[in-house]
C-alpha atoms as a PDB file:
ATOM      1  CA  MET A   1      17.290  -8.601  10.027  1.00  0.00           C
ATOM      2  CA  MET A   2      13.986  -7.433   8.548  1.00  0.00           C
ATOM      3  CA  ASP A   3      15.684  -4.460   6.847  1.00  0.00           C
ATOM      4  CA  GLU A   4      18.073  -6.867   5.123  1.00  0.00           C
ATOM      5  CA  GLN A   5      15.132  -8.932   3.866  1.00  0.00           C
ATOM      6  CA  LEU A   6      13.357  -5.825   2.575  1.00  0.00           C
ATOM      7  CA  ARG A   7      16.349  -4.449   0.687  1.00  0.00           C
ATOM      8  CA  GLY A   8      16.115  -5.199  -3.021  1.00  0.00           C
ATOM      9  CA  GLN A   9      12.543  -6.491  -2.885  1.00  0.00           C
ATOM     10  CA  LYS A  10      10.087  -5.357  -5.561  1.00  0.00           C
ATOM     11  CA  ASN A  11       7.509  -4.091  -3.026  1.00  0.00           C
ATOM     12  CA  PRO A  12       9.259  -3.923   0.356  1.00  0.00           C
ATOM     13  CA  GLY A  13       6.280  -2.469   2.245  1.00  0.00           C
ATOM     14  CA  ILE A  14       4.217  -5.615   1.871  1.00  0.00           C
ATOM     15  CA  TYR A  15       6.772  -7.728   3.678  1.00  0.00           C
ATOM     16  CA  LYS A  16       5.901  -6.158   7.023  1.00  0.00           C
ATOM     17  CA  CYS A  17       2.986  -8.598   7.314  1.00  0.00           C
ATOM     18  CA  ALA A  18       3.944 -11.279   4.776  1.00  0.00           C
ATOM     19  CA  TYR A  19       6.015 -14.409   5.050  1.00  0.00           C
ATOM     20  CA  PRO A  20       9.530 -13.160   4.215  1.00  0.00           C
ATOM     21  CA  ALA A  21      10.530 -15.953   1.802  1.00  0.00           C
ATOM     22  CA  PRO A  22      10.710 -14.830  -1.829  1.00  0.00           C
ATOM     23  CA  TYR A  23       8.045 -15.959  -4.278  1.00  0.00           C
ATOM     24  CA  PRO A  24       9.150 -18.293  -7.067  1.00  0.00           C
ATOM     25  CA  GLU A  25       9.576 -16.928 -10.578  1.00  0.00           C
ATOM     26  CA  VAL A  26       6.351 -16.977 -12.578  1.00  0.00           C
ATOM     27  CA  GLN A  27       6.625 -19.582 -15.307  1.00  0.00           C
ATOM     28  CA  VAL A  28       4.593 -22.346 -16.924  1.00  0.00           C
ATOM     29  CA  ALA A  29       5.648 -25.573 -18.614  1.00  0.00           C
ATOM     30  CA  THR A  30       3.330 -24.957 -21.551  1.00  0.00           C
ATOM     31  CA  PRO A  31       0.384 -22.673 -22.334  1.00  0.00           C
ATOM     32  CA  ASN A  32      -2.979 -24.162 -21.366  1.00  0.00           C
ATOM     33  CA  PRO A  33      -6.073 -21.937 -21.651  1.00  0.00           C
ATOM     34  CA  TYR A  34      -8.224 -24.371 -19.645  1.00  0.00           C
ATOM     35  CA  TRP A  35      -5.909 -24.114 -16.652  1.00  0.00           C
ATOM     36  CA  ALA A  36      -5.823 -20.341 -17.062  1.00  0.00           C
ATOM     37  CA  GLN A  37      -9.621 -20.276 -16.937  1.00  0.00           C
ATOM     38  CA  LEU A  38      -9.510 -22.212 -13.657  1.00  0.00           C
ATOM     39  CA  LEU A  39      -7.082 -19.653 -12.232  1.00  0.00           C
ATOM     40  CA  LEU A  40      -9.403 -16.820 -13.264  1.00  0.00           C
ATOM     41  CA  GLU A  41     -11.662 -18.008 -10.407  1.00  0.00           C
ATOM     42  CA  ASP A  42      -8.799 -17.452  -7.952  1.00  0.00           C
ATOM     43  CA  TYR A  43      -7.946 -14.176  -9.653  1.00  0.00           C
ATOM     44  CA  ALA A  44     -11.314 -12.438 -10.040  1.00  0.00           C
ATOM     45  CA  GLY A  45     -14.130 -14.716  -8.913  1.00  0.00           C
ATOM     46  CA  PRO A  46     -16.408 -14.160  -5.910  1.00  0.00           C
ATOM     47  CA  LYS A  47     -13.796 -15.662  -3.521  1.00  0.00           C
ATOM     48  CA  SER A  48     -10.686 -14.340  -5.244  1.00  0.00           C
ATOM     49  CA  GLU A  49      -7.620 -12.199  -4.734  1.00  0.00           C
ATOM     50  CA  LEU A  50      -9.404  -9.235  -6.323  1.00  0.00           C
ATOM     51  CA  SER A  51     -12.402  -9.651  -4.025  1.00  0.00           C
ATOM     52  CA  ALA A  52     -10.116  -9.975  -1.002  1.00  0.00           C
ATOM     53  CA  ILE A  53      -8.195  -6.821  -1.923  1.00  0.00           C
ATOM     54  CA  ASN A  54     -11.343  -4.752  -2.251  1.00  0.00           C
ATOM     55  CA  GLN A  55     -12.830  -6.176   0.934  1.00  0.00           C
ATOM     56  CA  TYR A  56      -9.648  -5.547   2.940  1.00  0.00           C
ATOM     57  CA  VAL A  57      -9.355  -1.996   1.616  1.00  0.00           C
ATOM     58  CA  TYR A  58     -12.991  -1.238   2.431  1.00  0.00           C
ATOM     59  CA  HIS A  59     -12.652  -2.726   5.921  1.00  0.00           C
ATOM     60  CA  HIS A  60      -9.419  -0.767   6.403  1.00  0.00           C
ATOM     61  CA  VAL A  61     -11.157   2.503   5.549  1.00  0.00           C
ATOM     62  CA  VAL A  62     -14.274   2.026   7.674  1.00  0.00           C
ATOM     63  CA  LEU A  63     -12.434   0.591  10.681  1.00  0.00           C
ATOM     64  CA  ALA A  64      -9.586   3.143  10.742  1.00  0.00           C
ATOM     65  CA  PRO A  65     -11.348   5.775  12.881  1.00  0.00           C
ATOM     66  CA  ASP A  66     -11.983   3.369  15.782  1.00  0.00           C
ATOM     67  CA  PHE A  67      -9.482   0.539  15.257  1.00  0.00           C
ATOM     68  CA  GLU A  68      -6.326   2.102  13.844  1.00  0.00           C
ATOM     69  CA  GLU A  69      -3.976  -0.872  14.377  1.00  0.00           C
ATOM     70  CA  ILE A  70      -6.399  -3.399  12.915  1.00  0.00           C
ATOM     71  CA  ALA A  71      -7.064  -1.093   9.973  1.00  0.00           C
ATOM     72  CA  ALA A  72      -3.316  -0.774   9.334  1.00  0.00           C
ATOM     73  CA  LEU A  73      -2.964  -4.553   9.364  1.00  0.00           C
ATOM     74  CA  LEU A  74      -5.842  -4.927   6.898  1.00  0.00           C
ATOM     75  CA  GLU A  75      -4.169  -2.397   4.610  1.00  0.00           C
ATOM     76  CA  CYS A  76      -0.937  -4.376   4.784  1.00  0.00           C
ATOM     77  CA  ILE A  77      -2.753  -7.619   4.023  1.00  0.00           C
ATOM     78  CA  ALA A  78      -4.408  -5.935   1.022  1.00  0.00           C
ATOM     79  CA  LEU A  79      -0.939  -5.069  -0.296  1.00  0.00           C
ATOM     80  CA  VAL A  80       0.152  -8.700   0.050  1.00  0.00           C
ATOM     81  CA  GLU A  81      -2.992  -9.777  -1.795  1.00  0.00           C
ATOM     82  CA  MET A  82      -2.137  -7.293  -4.570  1.00  0.00           C
ATOM     83  CA  HIS A  83       1.157  -9.082  -5.023  1.00  0.00           C
ATOM     84  CA  HIS A  84      -0.700 -12.418  -5.225  1.00  0.00           C
ATOM     85  CA  LEU A  85      -3.050 -10.872  -7.795  1.00  0.00           C
ATOM     86  CA  GLU A  86      -0.077  -9.792  -9.893  1.00  0.00           C
ATOM     87  CA  ILE A  87       1.451 -13.287  -9.744  1.00  0.00           C
ATOM     88  CA  LEU A  88      -1.851 -14.836 -10.813  1.00  0.00           C
ATOM     89  CA  ALA A  89      -2.213 -12.327 -13.669  1.00  0.00           C
ATOM     90  CA  GLU A  90       1.257 -13.151 -14.967  1.00  0.00           C
ATOM     91  CA  THR A  91       0.564 -16.893 -14.691  1.00  0.00           C
ATOM     92  CA  ILE A  92      -2.800 -16.623 -16.458  1.00  0.00           C
ATOM     93  CA  LEU A  93      -1.188 -14.605 -19.247  1.00  0.00           C
ATOM     94  CA  LYS A  94       1.616 -17.154 -19.662  1.00  0.00           C
ATOM     95  CA  LEU A  95      -0.989 -19.921 -19.791  1.00  0.00           C
ATOM     96  CA  GLY A  96      -2.517 -18.111 -22.778  1.00  0.00           C
ATOM     97  CA  VAL A  97      -5.495 -16.106 -21.499  1.00  0.00           C
ATOM     98  CA  ASP A  98      -5.938 -12.348 -21.093  1.00  0.00           C
ATOM     99  CA  PRO A  99      -6.107 -11.717 -17.315  1.00  0.00           C
ATOM    100  CA  ARG A 100      -9.158  -9.469 -17.322  1.00  0.00           C
ATOM    101  CA  TYR A 101     -11.118  -9.263 -14.076  1.00  0.00           C
ATOM    102  CA  ARG A 102     -13.568 -12.037 -14.928  1.00  0.00           C
ATOM    103  CA  THR A 103     -14.250 -15.742 -14.809  1.00  0.00           C
ATOM    104  CA  ILE A 104     -15.075 -17.887 -17.813  1.00  0.00           C
ATOM    105  CA  GLU A 105     -17.640 -20.657 -17.393  1.00  0.00           C
ATOM    106  CA  GLY A 106     -17.383 -23.941 -19.293  1.00  0.00           C
ATOM    107  CA  ASN A 107     -19.642 -22.631 -22.063  1.00  0.00           C
ATOM    108  CA  SER A 108     -17.307 -19.636 -22.560  1.00  0.00           C
ATOM    109  CA  GLN A 109     -19.694 -17.254 -20.797  1.00  0.00           C
ATOM    110  CA  GLU A 110     -17.773 -14.460 -19.086  1.00  0.00           C
ATOM    111  CA  GLN A 111     -18.727 -13.062 -15.701  1.00  0.00           C
ATOM    112  CA  TYR A 112     -16.852  -9.883 -14.881  1.00  0.00           C
ATOM    113  CA  TRP A 113     -15.881  -9.078 -11.315  1.00  0.00           C
ATOM    114  CA  ASN A 114     -18.259  -6.752  -9.490  1.00  0.00           C
ATOM    115  CA  ALA A 115     -18.482  -5.092  -6.107  1.00  0.00           C
ATOM    116  CA  SER A 116     -21.245  -7.405  -4.887  1.00  0.00           C
ATOM    117  CA  PHE A 117     -18.464  -9.964  -4.309  1.00  0.00           C
ATOM    118  CA  VAL A 118     -17.256  -7.814  -1.382  1.00  0.00           C
ATOM    119  CA  TYR A 119     -18.747  -8.495   2.039  1.00  0.00           C
ATOM    120  CA  TYR A 120     -19.119  -5.054   3.580  1.00  0.00           C
ATOM    121  CA  GLY A 121     -20.203  -6.123   7.066  1.00  0.00           C
ATOM    122  CA  THR A 122     -21.581  -4.220  10.022  1.00  0.00           C
ATOM    123  CA  SER A 123     -19.102  -4.551  12.891  1.00  0.00           C
ATOM    124  CA  LEU A 124     -15.456  -5.287  13.641  1.00  0.00           C
ATOM    125  CA  CYS A 125     -16.119  -8.920  14.547  1.00  0.00           C
ATOM    126  CA  ASP A 126     -18.423  -9.443  11.586  1.00  0.00           C
ATOM    127  CA  ARG A 127     -15.884  -8.021   9.147  1.00  0.00           C
ATOM    128  CA  LEU A 128     -12.884  -9.903  10.534  1.00  0.00           C
ATOM    129  CA  THR A 129     -14.866 -13.156  10.579  1.00  0.00           C
ATOM    130  CA  SER A 130     -15.741 -12.637   6.930  1.00  0.00           C
ATOM    131  CA  ASP A 131     -12.127 -11.797   6.048  1.00  0.00           C
ATOM    132  CA  LEU A 132     -10.910 -14.998   7.674  1.00  0.00           C
ATOM    133  CA  ALA A 133     -13.655 -17.102   6.063  1.00  0.00           C
ATOM    134  CA  GLY A 134     -12.711 -15.610   2.692  1.00  0.00           C
ATOM    135  CA  GLU A 135      -9.090 -16.645   3.161  1.00  0.00           C
ATOM    136  CA  TRP A 136     -10.119 -20.216   4.007  1.00  0.00           C
ATOM    137  CA  ALA A 137     -12.413 -20.338   0.963  1.00  0.00           C
ATOM    138  CA  ALA A 138      -9.600 -19.060  -1.263  1.00  0.00           C
ATOM    139  CA  VAL A 139      -7.197 -21.699   0.079  1.00  0.00           C
ATOM    140  CA  ALA A 140      -9.764 -24.447  -0.576  1.00  0.00           C
ATOM    141  CA  ASN A 141     -10.245 -23.190  -4.139  1.00  0.00           C
ATOM    142  CA  TYR A 142      -6.477 -23.002  -4.752  1.00  0.00           C
ATOM    143  CA  ARG A 143      -6.076 -26.580  -3.513  1.00  0.00           C
ATOM    144  CA  LYS A 144      -8.925 -27.788  -5.724  1.00  0.00           C
ATOM    145  CA  HIS A 145      -7.270 -26.194  -8.756  1.00  0.00           C
ATOM    146  CA  GLN A 146      -3.858 -27.510  -7.736  1.00  0.00           C
ATOM    147  CA  GLN A 147      -5.261 -31.053  -8.064  1.00  0.00           C
ATOM    148  CA  VAL A 148      -6.395 -30.383 -11.646  1.00  0.00           C
ATOM    149  CA  ILE A 149      -3.535 -28.280 -13.024  1.00  0.00           C
ATOM    150  CA  ASN A 150      -0.776 -30.650 -14.087  1.00  0.00           C
ATOM    151  CA  ASP A 151       1.979 -28.052 -14.450  1.00  0.00           C
ATOM    152  CA  PRO A 152       4.762 -28.267 -11.852  1.00  0.00           C
ATOM    153  CA  TYR A 153       5.474 -24.533 -12.043  1.00  0.00           C
ATOM    154  CA  VAL A 154       1.849 -23.539 -11.506  1.00  0.00           C
ATOM    155  CA  GLN A 155       1.285 -26.118  -8.760  1.00  0.00           C
ATOM    156  CA  ASN A 156       3.994 -24.517  -6.652  1.00  0.00           C
END
């Protein structure tokens, strides 16, 4: 069954640890730079897809020698997050903003993503706790933006 789901997918490897349903097509009802700026927080802010990817990859690398299965799972999750990053980039672009790795504050001040957004941690438990907390923070931020963005395609 899983092989059938993987066939024809853009990035079949990520579906080993992802929900198997296909993602909807990226589209927007109309360009809206303000909404795109909100999504830049989800894309490349401190609690963003880009931060999650880098944190998962780092945790994968440092945990691999002692916790091979957990490290492999973190690598897989990072691949899923990369797909989410790509979807956000395409959405931000369609909303009318260049999807650079940055956020834009209300006064148009840009803050580019940097490695201090990654929680490096000190132990397995510490790192996994941070990874989980980061996911919950990202979900809360997505939901907050979902309330503001009045575009049915982006809301889904």
